[in-house]
Protein backbone atom coordinates (compact mmCIF):
# COMPACT_ATOMS: atom_id res chain seq x y z
CA MET A 1 -12.24 25.17 29.87
CA LYS A 2 -14.75 23.80 27.35
CA LYS A 3 -13.15 25.88 24.61
CA ALA A 4 -9.70 24.48 25.47
CA ILE A 5 -11.02 20.91 25.42
CA GLY A 6 -12.79 21.52 22.10
CA THR A 7 -9.62 22.93 20.57
CA LEU A 8 -7.61 19.98 21.86
CA GLY A 9 -10.14 17.61 20.31
CA LEU A 10 -9.81 19.34 16.95
CA LEU A 11 -6.03 19.11 17.13
CA VAL A 12 -6.22 15.40 17.91
CA LEU A 13 -8.62 14.83 15.01
CA ALA A 14 -6.48 16.90 12.68
CA GLY A 15 -3.53 14.65 13.47
CA CYS A 16 -5.42 11.49 12.55
CA SER A 17 -4.90 10.12 9.08
CA HIS A 18 -6.24 7.15 7.21
CA GLY A 19 -3.71 7.30 4.40
CA PRO A 20 -2.33 9.92 2.06
CA ASP A 21 -4.35 12.96 1.07
CA ARG A 22 -6.09 12.36 -2.21
CA GLN A 23 -7.17 14.76 -4.90
CA ASP A 24 -9.22 13.53 -7.85
CA GLY A 25 -8.50 9.92 -6.86
CA VAL A 26 -4.71 10.31 -7.00
CA ALA A 27 -2.51 10.33 -3.92
CA SER A 28 -0.71 13.63 -3.54
CA ALA A 29 3.09 13.83 -3.19
CA HIS A 30 3.55 10.17 -2.26
CA LEU A 31 3.31 8.93 -5.84
CA SER A 32 6.72 10.34 -6.63
CA PRO A 33 9.54 7.97 -5.62
CA GLU A 34 11.87 10.96 -5.47
CA VAL A 35 10.02 12.17 -2.35
CA SER A 36 11.48 9.11 -0.58
CA GLY A 37 14.94 9.51 -2.11
CA LEU A 38 14.43 6.92 -4.87
CA VAL A 39 14.99 7.26 -8.61
CA GLY A 40 11.86 6.49 -10.62
CA VAL A 41 12.59 5.26 -14.14
CA ARG A 42 9.15 4.44 -15.56
CA PRO A 43 5.77 3.07 -14.50
CA TYR A 44 5.62 -0.70 -14.04
CA PRO A 45 4.28 -2.89 -15.52
CA ASN A 46 2.14 -0.53 -17.62
CA ALA A 47 2.18 3.22 -18.26
CA ASP A 48 -0.85 3.83 -16.01
CA ASP A 49 0.35 1.78 -13.00
CA VAL A 50 1.41 3.30 -9.66
CA CYS A 51 4.49 1.10 -9.29
CA GLN A 52 7.76 2.18 -10.87
CA VAL A 53 10.97 0.63 -12.07
CA ILE A 54 13.51 2.05 -9.62
CA GLY A 55 16.98 3.09 -10.69
CA GLU A 56 20.27 2.85 -8.88
CA ASN A 57 21.38 5.22 -6.17
CA ALA A 58 22.93 4.90 -2.71
CA LEU A 59 19.64 3.62 -1.23
CA THR A 60 19.10 0.87 -3.80
CA ARG A 61 22.57 -0.20 -4.95
CA ARG A 62 22.67 -3.28 -2.69
CA HIS A 63 19.45 -4.62 -4.23
CA LEU A 64 20.45 -4.37 -7.89
CA ASP A 65 21.98 -7.12 -9.98
CA HIS A 66 21.86 -8.24 -13.61
CA THR A 67 19.25 -10.98 -12.97
CA SER A 68 16.41 -8.88 -11.60
CA ILE A 69 14.53 -5.62 -11.88
CA LEU A 70 13.93 -3.35 -8.90
CA ILE A 71 10.32 -2.21 -8.53
CA GLY A 72 8.91 0.32 -6.11
CA CYS A 73 5.27 0.75 -5.16
CA PRO A 74 3.74 3.31 -2.80
CA ARG A 75 3.52 1.35 0.45
CA TYR A 76 -0.16 2.21 0.99
CA GLU A 77 -1.00 0.58 -2.38
CA ALA A 78 -1.47 -2.90 -0.90
CA GLY A 79 -3.29 -4.15 -4.01
CA ALA A 80 -0.46 -3.14 -6.35
CA ILE A 81 2.12 -4.71 -4.04
CA ALA A 82 0.06 -7.91 -3.82
CA ASP A 83 -0.18 -7.99 -7.63
CA ARG A 84 3.62 -7.74 -7.98
CA VAL A 85 4.10 -10.51 -5.39
CA ALA A 86 1.54 -12.69 -7.21
CA GLU A 87 3.62 -12.17 -10.37
CA GLY A 88 6.69 -13.51 -8.52
CA ALA A 89 8.30 -10.40 -7.06
CA VAL A 90 9.84 -10.52 -3.58
CA VAL A 91 9.39 -7.68 -1.06
CA LEU A 92 12.78 -6.29 -0.01
CA GLU A 93 12.19 -3.31 2.28
CA ASP A 94 10.33 -0.05 2.79
CA ILE A 95 12.14 3.17 2.02
CA GLY A 96 10.16 6.22 3.02
CA GLU A 97 6.70 5.94 1.51
CA TRP A 98 7.71 3.21 -0.96
CA THR A 99 8.02 -0.58 -0.80
CA LEU A 100 10.86 -2.06 -2.85
CA LEU A 101 10.43 -5.40 -4.60
CA SER A 102 12.73 -7.50 -6.72
CA ALA A 103 11.47 -9.36 -9.79
CA ARG A 104 13.51 -11.82 -11.82
CA LEU A 105 14.05 -10.88 -15.46
């Protein structure tokens, strides 16, 4: 019985997560917007940022217009999302592992 309880405890612990798996300080798999069905165009606002300009597809079409840029940030990157909001972006919705924001051009 003790062995069964110990195994159950390990399974419960194995199912716990405090965010994405990280290797060398970079989140694995979740950094790619394509994993969530989005089209990543380029990093935003700088080449080394985790947020991306997001292109048009069926999931994003309703959010695009000629007066704004669509930005996506991994949803666990609260600091990056807060920075975009502080710059004037508006949070639209979460799609998969990404948070979409709209920023006026």
